[in-house]
Amino acid sequence: MTKIKLCGLSRLCDIEAVNELRPEYVGFVFVNTSKRYISQEKAKELKKRLAPEIKTVGVFADKHPEQIAEICRKGIVDMVQLHGGEDEAYIRRLKALMAQPVIRAFCIRTAEDVDKAEKCSADYILLDSGAGSGTTFDWELVQNVERPYFLAGGLHIGNIKKAVEQLNPYGVDVSSGVETDGWKDKRKMQALIAAVRKKEG
């Protein structure tokens, strides 16, 4: 079954919506330059209201590993997603500091990008068109990826069925595709989740 991650949640009403809709993962963005950024304090508050079976993923970019580990120790996130220039040495250091699984995001433009992603030591990889670009990349490039991965980049109700059918990813990661005017839209979240679940039901 394809897992669903809804990323960039920032309001209590977002949490109430996902508690009802039950995606497997939700993302909290801790990248200061992102329009979806939230503070540790806000994320901790939202986590307390979240259904316990839904895993929280903290999204970071080039943050000191010790700072990420501290957020993990506070119980704010269940998984860590890296979106900066983090290399293998960084990932090893981070994993030595915490027990939470690591997702490493890769911008996919060429076959070489795919090869680099497949060799990464992170627990999961996320294949994207670019940080928050809201556009898709050439899915043919990842047609034969064998390790579990999250598919991201420009996913929405209009193409999610095709994505799942064509690629059968471990998970799909959606943010702008379930928003209206920059805010999460419960109806769009519901429609997208229903489309993925129906495809597999």
N, C-alpha and C. Protein backbone atom coordinates (compact mmCIF):
# COMPACT_ATOMS: atom_id res chain seq x y z
N MET A 1 0.84 -1.19 0.00
CA MET A 1 0.00 0.00 0.00
C MET A 1 0.88 1.25 0.00
N THR A 2 0.61 2.15 -0.89
CA THR A 2 1.37 3.39 -0.96
C THR A 2 1.06 4.27 0.25
N LYS A 3 2.09 4.68 0.96
CA LYS A 3 1.92 5.56 2.12
C LYS A 3 1.68 6.99 1.63
N ILE A 4 1.03 7.77 2.48
CA ILE A 4 0.72 9.15 2.14
C ILE A 4 1.33 10.09 3.18
N LYS A 5 2.07 11.08 2.70
CA LYS A 5 2.63 12.11 3.58
C LYS A 5 2.11 13.47 3.11
N LEU A 6 1.47 14.17 4.02
CA LEU A 6 1.01 15.53 3.75
C LEU A 6 1.96 16.47 4.48
N CYS A 7 2.65 17.30 3.74
CA CYS A 7 3.73 18.09 4.31
C CYS A 7 3.36 19.56 4.46
N GLY A 8 3.99 20.21 5.43
CA GLY A 8 3.80 21.64 5.62
C GLY A 8 2.59 22.01 6.44
N LEU A 9 2.20 21.15 7.39
CA LEU A 9 1.08 21.48 8.26
C LEU A 9 1.51 22.54 9.27
N SER A 10 0.60 23.46 9.57
CA SER A 10 0.99 24.56 10.46
C SER A 10 -0.11 25.04 11.39
N ARG A 11 -1.33 24.52 11.23
CA ARG A 11 -2.46 25.01 12.03
C ARG A 11 -3.18 23.86 12.73
N LEU A 12 -3.86 24.19 13.79
CA LEU A 12 -4.63 23.18 14.51
C LEU A 12 -5.69 22.55 13.61
N CYS A 13 -6.31 23.35 12.75
CA CYS A 13 -7.33 22.80 11.86
C CYS A 13 -6.74 21.79 10.88
N ASP A 14 -5.45 21.96 10.53
CA ASP A 14 -4.77 20.96 9.69
C ASP A 14 -4.68 19.63 10.43
N ILE A 15 -4.34 19.71 11.71
CA ILE A 15 -4.22 18.50 12.53
C ILE A 15 -5.57 17.82 12.69
N GLU A 16 -6.60 18.61 12.92
CA GLU A 16 -7.95 18.04 13.04
C GLU A 16 -8.35 17.33 11.76
N ALA A 17 -7.97 17.90 10.62
CA ALA A 17 -8.30 17.29 9.34
C ALA A 17 -7.58 15.96 9.15
N VAL A 18 -6.27 15.94 9.42
CA VAL A 18 -5.53 14.69 9.20
C VAL A 18 -5.90 13.62 10.22
N ASN A 19 -6.31 14.03 11.43
CA ASN A 19 -6.77 13.04 12.39
C ASN A 19 -7.99 12.29 11.87
N GLU A 20 -8.78 12.99 11.08
CA GLU A 20 -9.96 12.37 10.47
C GLU A 20 -9.59 11.57 9.22
N LEU A 21 -8.67 12.10 8.43
CA LEU A 21 -8.35 11.50 7.13
C LEU A 21 -7.32 10.39 7.20
N ARG A 22 -6.47 10.41 8.22
CA ARG A 22 -5.50 9.35 8.49
C ARG A 22 -4.45 9.08 7.41
N PRO A 23 -3.69 10.07 7.00
CA PRO A 23 -2.48 9.76 6.21
C PRO A 23 -1.48 9.09 7.15
N GLU A 24 -0.50 8.40 6.60
CA GLU A 24 0.49 7.73 7.46
C GLU A 24 1.48 8.72 8.07
N TYR A 25 1.77 9.82 7.34
CA TYR A 25 2.77 10.78 7.77
C TYR A 25 2.28 12.20 7.57
N VAL A 26 2.75 13.10 8.45
CA VAL A 26 2.59 14.54 8.21
C VAL A 26 3.95 15.20 8.41
N GLY A 27 4.16 16.30 7.71
CA GLY A 27 5.45 16.97 7.77
C GLY A 27 5.37 18.34 8.43
N PHE A 28 6.35 18.61 9.31
CA PHE A 28 6.54 19.94 9.89
C PHE A 28 7.82 20.52 9.29
N VAL A 29 7.73 21.70 8.74
CA VAL A 29 8.88 22.31 8.05
C VAL A 29 9.62 23.24 9.01
N PHE A 30 10.90 22.91 9.27
CA PHE A 30 11.74 23.70 10.15
C PHE A 30 12.81 24.48 9.38
N VAL A 31 12.53 24.76 8.12
CA VAL A 31 13.45 25.53 7.27
C VAL A 31 12.98 26.98 7.29
N ASN A 32 13.81 27.85 7.84
CA ASN A 32 13.40 29.24 8.07
C ASN A 32 12.94 29.97 6.82
N THR A 33 13.51 29.63 5.68
CA THR A 33 13.19 30.35 4.45
C THR A 33 11.90 29.87 3.79
N SER A 34 11.31 28.80 4.31
CA SER A 34 10.08 28.26 3.73
C SER A 34 8.86 29.03 4.21
N LYS A 35 7.91 29.21 3.32
CA LYS A 35 6.65 29.87 3.71
C LYS A 35 5.83 28.98 4.64
N ARG A 36 6.19 27.70 4.73
CA ARG A 36 5.48 26.76 5.60
C ARG A 36 6.23 26.51 6.91
N TYR A 37 7.23 27.32 7.18
CA TYR A 37 8.03 27.17 8.40
C TYR A 37 7.17 27.30 9.65
N ILE A 38 7.44 26.42 10.63
CA ILE A 38 6.85 26.59 11.95
C ILE A 38 7.95 26.40 13.01
N SER A 39 7.73 26.96 14.16
CA SER A 39 8.69 26.87 15.25
C SER A 39 8.60 25.51 15.94
N GLN A 40 9.64 25.17 16.70
CA GLN A 40 9.60 23.95 17.50
C GLN A 40 8.41 23.97 18.45
N GLU A 41 8.17 25.10 19.06
CA GLU A 41 7.10 25.21 20.05
C GLU A 41 5.74 24.94 19.40
N LYS A 42 5.54 25.51 18.21
CA LYS A 42 4.27 25.29 17.50
C LYS A 42 4.14 23.83 17.09
N ALA A 43 5.23 23.25 16.60
CA ALA A 43 5.20 21.85 16.18
C ALA A 43 4.90 20.93 17.37
N LYS A 44 5.48 21.25 18.52
CA LYS A 44 5.24 20.44 19.71
C LYS A 44 3.77 20.49 20.11
N GLU A 45 3.19 21.67 20.00
CA GLU A 45 1.77 21.85 20.32
C GLU A 45 0.89 21.04 19.37
N LEU A 46 1.22 21.09 18.08
CA LEU A 46 0.45 20.34 17.08
C LEU A 46 0.62 18.84 17.25
N LYS A 47 1.83 18.41 17.57
CA LYS A 47 2.11 16.99 17.77
C LYS A 47 1.25 16.41 18.90
N LYS A 48 1.05 17.19 19.95
CA LYS A 48 0.25 16.74 21.08
C LYS A 48 -1.19 16.45 20.67
N ARG A 49 -1.67 17.18 19.66
CA ARG A 49 -3.06 17.02 19.20
C ARG A 49 -3.20 15.96 18.10
N LEU A 50 -2.08 15.46 17.61
CA LEU A 50 -2.10 14.53 16.47
C LEU A 50 -2.39 13.10 16.92
N ALA A 51 -3.18 12.39 16.15
CA ALA A 51 -3.44 10.97 16.43
C ALA A 51 -2.11 10.22 16.52
N PRO A 52 -1.91 9.40 17.54
CA PRO A 52 -0.60 8.78 17.77
C PRO A 52 -0.11 7.87 16.65
N GLU A 53 -1.01 7.31 15.86
CA GLU A 53 -0.55 6.42 14.79
C GLU A 53 -0.03 7.17 13.57
N ILE A 54 -0.24 8.47 13.50
CA ILE A 54 0.28 9.27 12.39
C ILE A 54 1.68 9.75 12.75
N LYS A 55 2.66 9.43 11.92
CA LYS A 55 4.05 9.78 12.20
C LYS A 55 4.35 11.20 11.74
N THR A 56 5.13 11.91 12.56
CA THR A 56 5.55 13.26 12.19
C THR A 56 6.95 13.23 11.60
N VAL A 57 7.12 13.98 10.51
CA VAL A 57 8.41 14.08 9.83
C VAL A 57 8.88 15.52 9.91
N GLY A 58 10.06 15.73 10.46
CA GLY A 58 10.64 17.06 10.54
C GLY A 58 11.48 17.33 9.30
N VAL A 59 11.20 18.42 8.61
CA VAL A 59 11.93 18.77 7.39
C VAL A 59 12.99 19.82 7.72
N PHE A 60 14.25 19.49 7.39
CA PHE A 60 15.38 20.36 7.72
C PHE A 60 16.25 20.56 6.48
N ALA A 61 17.04 21.63 6.50
CA ALA A 61 18.01 21.87 5.43
C ALA A 61 19.29 22.44 6.04
N ASP A 62 20.35 21.64 6.02
CA ASP A 62 21.68 22.06 6.48
C ASP A 62 21.68 22.55 7.93
N LYS A 63 20.88 21.94 8.76
CA LYS A 63 20.85 22.29 10.18
C LYS A 63 21.87 21.42 10.91
N HIS A 64 22.49 21.94 11.96
CA HIS A 64 23.48 21.17 12.71
C HIS A 64 22.84 19.88 13.22
N PRO A 65 23.48 18.74 13.04
CA PRO A 65 22.92 17.46 13.49
C PRO A 65 22.52 17.47 14.95
N GLU A 66 23.31 18.13 15.79
CA GLU A 66 22.98 18.17 17.22
C GLU A 66 21.65 18.88 17.48
N GLN A 67 21.35 19.88 16.67
CA GLN A 67 20.09 20.60 16.84
C GLN A 67 18.92 19.72 16.42
N ILE A 68 19.10 18.96 15.36
CA ILE A 68 18.05 18.03 14.92
C ILE A 68 17.83 16.95 15.97
N ALA A 69 18.93 16.41 16.49
CA ALA A 69 18.83 15.36 17.51
C ALA A 69 18.09 15.86 18.75
N GLU A 70 18.30 17.12 19.10
CA GLU A 70 17.62 17.70 20.26
C GLU A 70 16.12 17.76 20.03
N ILE A 71 15.70 18.15 18.84
CA ILE A 71 14.27 18.18 18.50
C ILE A 71 13.69 16.77 18.58
N CYS A 72 14.45 15.79 18.14
CA CYS A 72 13.99 14.40 18.20
C CYS A 72 13.85 13.95 19.65
N ARG A 73 14.79 14.33 20.49
CA ARG A 73 14.74 13.94 21.90
C ARG A 73 13.51 14.52 22.60
N LYS A 74 13.04 15.65 22.12
CA LYS A 74 11.84 16.28 22.70
C LYS A 74 10.56 15.59 22.25
N GLY A 75 10.68 14.62 21.34
CA GLY A 75 9.51 13.88 20.89
C GLY A 75 8.65 14.61 19.88
N ILE A 76 9.21 15.64 19.25
CA ILE A 76 8.42 16.44 18.31
C ILE A 76 8.28 15.73 16.96
N VAL A 77 9.33 15.02 16.53
CA VAL A 77 9.27 14.34 15.24
C VAL A 77 9.67 12.88 15.37
N ASP A 78 9.05 12.05 14.53
CA ASP A 78 9.32 10.61 14.51
C ASP A 78 10.32 10.23 13.43
N MET A 79 10.47 11.10 12.44
CA MET A 79 11.41 10.87 11.34
C MET A 79 12.02 12.21 10.95
N VAL A 80 13.18 12.16 10.30
CA VAL A 80 13.88 13.37 9.88
C VAL A 80 14.04 13.36 8.38
N GLN A 81 13.70 14.47 7.73
CA GLN A 81 13.83 14.60 6.28
C GLN A 81 14.82 15.71 5.97
N LEU A 82 15.83 15.39 5.17
CA LEU A 82 16.91 16.33 4.86
C LEU A 82 16.75 16.89 3.46
N HIS A 83 16.75 18.21 3.34
CA HIS A 83 16.51 18.86 2.05
C HIS A 83 17.62 19.82 1.63
N GLY A 84 18.75 19.76 2.31
CA GLY A 84 19.84 20.67 1.96
C GLY A 84 20.95 19.96 1.21
N GLY A 85 22.20 20.33 1.53
CA GLY A 85 23.34 19.73 0.87
C GLY A 85 24.01 18.65 1.70
N GLU A 86 23.25 18.01 2.57
CA GLU A 86 23.80 17.02 3.49
C GLU A 86 24.44 15.84 2.74
N ASP A 87 25.70 15.54 3.10
CA ASP A 87 26.41 14.43 2.44
C ASP A 87 26.39 13.19 3.31
N GLU A 88 27.11 12.16 2.87
CA GLU A 88 27.12 10.89 3.59
C GLU A 88 27.71 11.03 4.99
N ALA A 89 28.74 11.84 5.13
CA ALA A 89 29.34 12.04 6.45
C ALA A 89 28.34 12.68 7.40
N TYR A 90 27.58 13.63 6.90
CA TYR A 90 26.54 14.29 7.71
C TYR A 90 25.50 13.26 8.16
N ILE A 91 25.04 12.43 7.23
CA ILE A 91 24.01 11.43 7.55
C ILE A 91 24.52 10.46 8.61
N ARG A 92 25.78 10.01 8.48
CA ARG A 92 26.35 9.10 9.48
C ARG A 92 26.39 9.76 10.86
N ARG A 93 26.80 11.01 10.89
CA ARG A 93 26.87 11.74 12.15
C ARG A 93 25.49 11.90 12.77
N LEU A 94 24.53 12.23 11.96
CA LEU A 94 23.17 12.42 12.45
C LEU A 94 22.61 11.11 13.00
N LYS A 95 22.79 10.03 12.28
CA LYS A 95 22.26 8.73 12.70
C LYS A 95 22.92 8.23 13.98
N ALA A 96 24.14 8.69 14.22
CA ALA A 96 24.83 8.30 15.46
C ALA A 96 24.25 9.03 16.67
N LEU A 97 23.56 10.12 16.42
CA LEU A 97 23.02 10.95 17.50
C LEU A 97 21.58 10.64 17.86
N MET A 98 20.88 9.89 17.01
CA MET A 98 19.45 9.68 17.22
C MET A 98 19.01 8.35 16.62
N ALA A 99 17.83 7.90 17.03
CA ALA A 99 17.30 6.62 16.56
C ALA A 99 16.28 6.77 15.44
N GLN A 100 15.82 7.99 15.22
CA GLN A 100 14.76 8.22 14.22
C GLN A 100 15.26 7.93 12.80
N PRO A 101 14.41 7.33 11.95
CA PRO A 101 14.79 7.10 10.56
C PRO A 101 15.03 8.41 9.82
N VAL A 102 15.89 8.34 8.81
CA VAL A 102 16.26 9.52 8.02
C VAL A 102 15.78 9.37 6.58
N ILE A 103 15.14 10.41 6.08
CA ILE A 103 14.75 10.50 4.67
C ILE A 103 15.64 11.56 4.03
N ARG A 104 16.30 11.22 2.95
CA ARG A 104 17.14 12.20 2.24
C ARG A 104 16.47 12.56 0.93
N ALA A 105 16.23 13.85 0.71
CA ALA A 105 15.57 14.31 -0.51
C ALA A 105 16.60 14.56 -1.61
N PHE A 106 16.23 14.21 -2.83
CA PHE A 106 17.08 14.44 -3.99
C PHE A 106 16.27 15.11 -5.09
N CYS A 107 16.87 16.11 -5.71
CA CYS A 107 16.28 16.76 -6.88
C CYS A 107 16.66 15.94 -8.10
N ILE A 108 15.67 15.43 -8.80
CA ILE A 108 15.93 14.51 -9.91
C ILE A 108 15.82 15.24 -11.25
N ARG A 109 16.97 15.34 -11.92
CA ARG A 109 16.99 15.93 -13.26
C ARG A 109 17.64 15.00 -14.28
N THR A 110 18.55 14.13 -13.80
CA THR A 110 19.29 13.24 -14.70
C THR A 110 19.38 11.84 -14.10
N ALA A 111 19.82 10.90 -14.91
CA ALA A 111 20.03 9.53 -14.44
C ALA A 111 21.09 9.49 -13.35
N GLU A 112 22.06 10.42 -13.41
CA GLU A 112 23.10 10.47 -12.37
C GLU A 112 22.50 10.84 -11.01
N ASP A 113 21.50 11.71 -11.01
CA ASP A 113 20.82 12.06 -9.76
C ASP A 113 20.15 10.83 -9.16
N VAL A 114 19.55 10.02 -10.00
CA VAL A 114 18.89 8.81 -9.53
C VAL A 114 19.90 7.83 -8.95
N ASP A 115 21.02 7.68 -9.63
CA ASP A 115 22.07 6.78 -9.16
C ASP A 115 22.60 7.21 -7.79
N LYS A 116 22.79 8.50 -7.63
CA LYS A 116 23.26 9.04 -6.35
C LYS A 116 22.24 8.77 -5.25
N ALA A 117 20.98 8.95 -5.56
CA ALA A 117 19.92 8.71 -4.57
C ALA A 117 19.88 7.24 -4.15
N GLU A 118 20.01 6.34 -5.12
CA GLU A 118 19.93 4.92 -4.81
C GLU A 118 21.07 4.45 -3.91
N LYS A 119 22.21 5.13 -3.98
CA LYS A 119 23.37 4.73 -3.19
C LYS A 119 23.42 5.40 -1.81
N CYS A 120 22.48 6.27 -1.54
CA CYS A 120 22.47 7.02 -0.29
C CYS A 120 22.24 6.09 0.91
N SER A 121 22.88 6.40 2.03
CA SER A 121 22.78 5.55 3.22
C SER A 121 21.58 5.88 4.10
N ALA A 122 20.79 6.87 3.72
CA ALA A 122 19.59 7.20 4.50
C ALA A 122 18.61 6.03 4.47
N ASP A 123 17.72 5.99 5.45
CA ASP A 123 16.74 4.89 5.52
C ASP A 123 15.77 4.93 4.34
N TYR A 124 15.41 6.13 3.94
CA TYR A 124 14.53 6.31 2.78
C TYR A 124 15.07 7.45 1.94
N ILE A 125 14.70 7.45 0.68
CA ILE A 125 15.01 8.58 -0.19
C ILE A 125 13.71 9.20 -0.66
N LEU A 126 13.77 10.50 -0.94
CA LEU A 126 12.62 11.22 -1.48
C LEU A 126 13.05 11.83 -2.80
N LEU A 127 12.31 11.52 -3.84
CA LEU A 127 12.67 11.97 -5.19
C LEU A 127 11.75 13.11 -5.58
N ASP A 128 12.35 14.26 -5.85
CA ASP A 128 11.60 15.51 -6.00
C ASP A 128 12.08 16.25 -7.24
N SER A 129 11.30 17.26 -7.62
CA SER A 129 11.70 18.10 -8.76
C SER A 129 12.49 19.31 -8.30
N GLY A 130 12.53 19.53 -7.00
CA GLY A 130 13.18 20.71 -6.44
C GLY A 130 12.45 21.13 -5.19
N ALA A 131 13.12 21.78 -4.28
CA ALA A 131 12.52 22.11 -2.98
C ALA A 131 11.29 23.00 -3.14
N GLY A 132 10.13 22.40 -2.98
CA GLY A 132 8.89 23.18 -3.02
C GLY A 132 8.56 23.80 -4.35
N SER A 133 9.02 23.18 -5.44
CA SER A 133 8.79 23.78 -6.76
C SER A 133 7.34 23.63 -7.22
N GLY A 134 6.67 22.59 -6.72
CA GLY A 134 5.28 22.38 -7.12
C GLY A 134 5.12 21.86 -8.53
N THR A 135 6.22 21.37 -9.12
CA THR A 135 6.16 20.82 -10.47
C THR A 135 6.68 19.39 -10.46
N THR A 136 6.29 18.62 -11.45
CA THR A 136 6.75 17.23 -11.55
C THR A 136 8.08 17.18 -12.31
N PHE A 137 8.79 16.05 -12.13
CA PHE A 137 9.98 15.79 -12.94
C PHE A 137 9.66 14.64 -13.89
N ASP A 138 10.61 14.24 -14.70
CA ASP A 138 10.41 13.16 -15.67
C ASP A 138 10.38 11.83 -14.93
N TRP A 139 9.19 11.29 -14.73
CA TRP A 139 9.05 10.04 -13.98
C TRP A 139 9.73 8.85 -14.64
N GLU A 140 9.97 8.94 -15.94
CA GLU A 140 10.67 7.84 -16.62
C GLU A 140 12.04 7.60 -16.01
N LEU A 141 12.64 8.64 -15.45
CA LEU A 141 13.98 8.52 -14.86
C LEU A 141 14.00 7.58 -13.66
N VAL A 142 12.87 7.45 -12.96
CA VAL A 142 12.84 6.64 -11.74
C VAL A 142 12.01 5.37 -11.88
N GLN A 143 11.72 5.03 -13.12
CA GLN A 143 10.87 3.87 -13.39
C GLN A 143 11.44 2.58 -12.80
N ASN A 144 12.77 2.47 -12.72
CA ASN A 144 13.39 1.23 -12.29
C ASN A 144 14.09 1.31 -10.93
N VAL A 145 13.78 2.34 -10.16
CA VAL A 145 14.36 2.45 -8.82
C VAL A 145 13.84 1.29 -7.97
N GLU A 146 14.75 0.57 -7.33
CA GLU A 146 14.35 -0.63 -6.60
C GLU A 146 14.16 -0.39 -5.10
N ARG A 147 14.86 0.57 -4.52
CA ARG A 147 14.72 0.78 -3.08
C ARG A 147 13.48 1.62 -2.77
N PRO A 148 12.93 1.49 -1.57
CA PRO A 148 11.73 2.26 -1.22
C PRO A 148 11.99 3.77 -1.30
N TYR A 149 11.05 4.49 -1.88
CA TYR A 149 11.23 5.94 -1.96
C TYR A 149 9.88 6.66 -1.87
N PHE A 150 9.97 7.91 -1.45
CA PHE A 150 8.82 8.81 -1.47
C PHE A 150 8.88 9.59 -2.77
N LEU A 151 7.76 9.69 -3.46
CA LEU A 151 7.67 10.50 -4.67
C LEU A 151 7.08 11.85 -4.31
N ALA A 152 7.76 12.93 -4.73
CA ALA A 152 7.29 14.29 -4.44
C ALA A 152 7.42 15.14 -5.70
N GLY A 153 6.89 16.35 -5.61
CA GLY A 153 7.05 17.29 -6.71
C GLY A 153 5.82 17.37 -7.60
N GLY A 154 4.99 18.36 -7.37
CA GLY A 154 3.87 18.62 -8.27
C GLY A 154 2.75 17.60 -8.24
N LEU A 155 2.64 16.84 -7.17
CA LEU A 155 1.55 15.85 -7.09
C LEU A 155 0.25 16.51 -6.64
N HIS A 156 -0.85 16.10 -7.27
CA HIS A 156 -2.17 16.65 -6.93
C HIS A 156 -3.23 15.65 -7.39
N ILE A 157 -4.48 15.98 -7.16
CA ILE A 157 -5.57 15.05 -7.46
C ILE A 157 -5.59 14.66 -8.95
N GLY A 158 -5.10 15.54 -9.80
CA GLY A 158 -5.14 15.26 -11.24
C GLY A 158 -4.12 14.26 -11.73
N ASN A 159 -3.05 14.04 -10.96
CA ASN A 159 -2.02 13.10 -11.44
C ASN A 159 -1.63 12.04 -10.42
N ILE A 160 -2.24 12.04 -9.24
CA ILE A 160 -1.81 11.11 -8.20
C ILE A 160 -2.09 9.66 -8.56
N LYS A 161 -3.22 9.38 -9.21
CA LYS A 161 -3.53 8.00 -9.61
C LYS A 161 -2.49 7.49 -10.60
N LYS A 162 -2.15 8.33 -11.57
CA LYS A 162 -1.15 7.94 -12.56
C LYS A 162 0.20 7.68 -11.89
N ALA A 163 0.56 8.53 -10.92
CA ALA A 163 1.84 8.36 -10.23
C ALA A 163 1.92 7.02 -9.52
N VAL A 164 0.88 6.69 -8.79
CA VAL A 164 0.86 5.44 -8.03
C VAL A 164 0.84 4.24 -8.98
N GLU A 165 0.04 4.35 -10.02
CA GLU A 165 -0.08 3.25 -10.98
C GLU A 165 1.21 3.03 -11.76
N GLN A 166 1.83 4.10 -12.20
CA GLN A 166 3.02 4.00 -13.05
C GLN A 166 4.28 3.63 -12.26
N LEU A 167 4.41 4.17 -11.04
CA LEU A 167 5.67 4.03 -10.32
C LEU A 167 5.60 3.14 -9.08
N ASN A 168 4.41 2.97 -8.51
CA ASN A 168 4.26 2.18 -7.29
C ASN A 168 5.28 2.58 -6.22
N PRO A 169 5.34 3.85 -5.86
CA PRO A 169 6.33 4.29 -4.87
C PRO A 169 5.96 3.78 -3.48
N TYR A 170 6.95 3.78 -2.59
CA TYR A 170 6.66 3.45 -1.18
C TYR A 170 5.67 4.46 -0.61
N GLY A 171 5.90 5.73 -0.96
CA GLY A 171 5.01 6.78 -0.46
C GLY A 171 4.94 7.96 -1.40
N VAL A 172 3.89 8.75 -1.24
CA VAL A 172 3.76 10.01 -1.98
C VAL A 172 3.78 11.15 -0.97
N ASP A 173 4.42 12.25 -1.35
CA ASP A 173 4.59 13.40 -0.46
C ASP A 173 3.97 14.61 -1.15
N VAL A 174 2.93 15.16 -0.54
CA VAL A 174 2.17 16.24 -1.19
C VAL A 174 2.07 17.44 -0.26
N SER A 175 2.30 18.62 -0.81
CA SER A 175 2.16 19.85 -0.02
C SER A 175 1.29 20.85 -0.77
N SER A 176 1.84 21.52 -1.78
CA SER A 176 1.07 22.55 -2.48
C SER A 176 -0.13 21.96 -3.21
N GLY A 177 -0.08 20.68 -3.56
CA GLY A 177 -1.17 20.03 -4.28
C GLY A 177 -2.44 19.85 -3.47
N VAL A 178 -2.35 20.08 -2.14
CA VAL A 178 -3.55 20.01 -1.31
C VAL A 178 -3.77 21.35 -0.59
N GLU A 179 -3.39 22.43 -1.28
CA GLU A 179 -3.56 23.77 -0.70
C GLU A 179 -4.47 24.64 -1.57
N THR A 180 -5.09 25.62 -0.94
CA THR A 180 -5.82 26.68 -1.62
C THR A 180 -5.34 28.01 -1.02
N ASP A 181 -4.83 28.87 -1.87
CA ASP A 181 -4.31 30.17 -1.42
C ASP A 181 -3.22 30.03 -0.36
N GLY A 182 -2.39 28.98 -0.51
CA GLY A 182 -1.26 28.81 0.38
C GLY A 182 -1.56 28.11 1.69
N TRP A 183 -2.79 27.65 1.88
CA TRP A 183 -3.17 26.97 3.12
C TRP A 183 -3.72 25.58 2.81
N LYS A 184 -3.49 24.65 3.72
CA LYS A 184 -4.02 23.31 3.52
C LYS A 184 -5.54 23.33 3.42
N ASP A 185 -6.05 22.56 2.46
CA ASP A 185 -7.48 22.52 2.15
C ASP A 185 -7.98 21.10 2.45
N LYS A 186 -8.83 20.97 3.43
CA LYS A 186 -9.28 19.64 3.85
C LYS A 186 -9.94 18.88 2.71
N ARG A 187 -10.72 19.55 1.89
CA ARG A 187 -11.39 18.86 0.78
C ARG A 187 -10.39 18.30 -0.22
N LYS A 188 -9.33 19.06 -0.47
CA LYS A 188 -8.30 18.57 -1.39
C LYS A 188 -7.51 17.42 -0.77
N MET A 189 -7.24 17.51 0.53
CA MET A 189 -6.55 16.42 1.21
C MET A 189 -7.40 15.15 1.15
N GLN A 190 -8.68 15.31 1.41
CA GLN A 190 -9.59 14.17 1.41
C GLN A 190 -9.67 13.52 0.03
N ALA A 191 -9.77 14.35 -1.01
CA ALA A 191 -9.87 13.83 -2.37
C ALA A 191 -8.61 13.09 -2.78
N LEU A 192 -7.44 13.64 -2.42
CA LEU A 192 -6.18 13.00 -2.79
C LEU A 192 -6.02 11.66 -2.08
N ILE A 193 -6.29 11.64 -0.78
CA ILE A 193 -6.17 10.39 -0.03
C ILE A 193 -7.14 9.35 -0.56
N ALA A 194 -8.35 9.77 -0.87
CA ALA A 194 -9.35 8.84 -1.41
C ALA A 194 -8.90 8.27 -2.75
N ALA A 195 -8.26 9.10 -3.57
CA ALA A 195 -7.79 8.63 -4.88
C ALA A 195 -6.71 7.56 -4.73
N VAL A 196 -5.79 7.76 -3.80
CA VAL A 196 -4.74 6.76 -3.57
C VAL A 196 -5.31 5.50 -3.00
N ARG A 197 -6.19 5.63 -2.01
CA ARG A 197 -6.77 4.44 -1.37
C ARG A 197 -7.66 3.67 -2.34
N LYS A 198 -8.41 4.39 -3.17
CA LYS A 198 -9.29 3.73 -4.14
C LYS A 198 -8.47 2.96 -5.16
N LYS A 199 -7.35 3.53 -5.56
CA LYS A 199 -6.47 2.88 -6.52
C LYS A 199 -6.01 1.54 -5.99
N GLU A 200 -5.87 1.44 -4.67
CA GLU A 200 -5.34 0.22 -4.08
C GLU A 200 -6.41 -0.67 -3.51
N GLY A 201 -7.64 -0.14 -3.42
CA GLY A 201 -8.72 -0.94 -2.86
C GLY A 201 -9.31 -1.83 -3.89
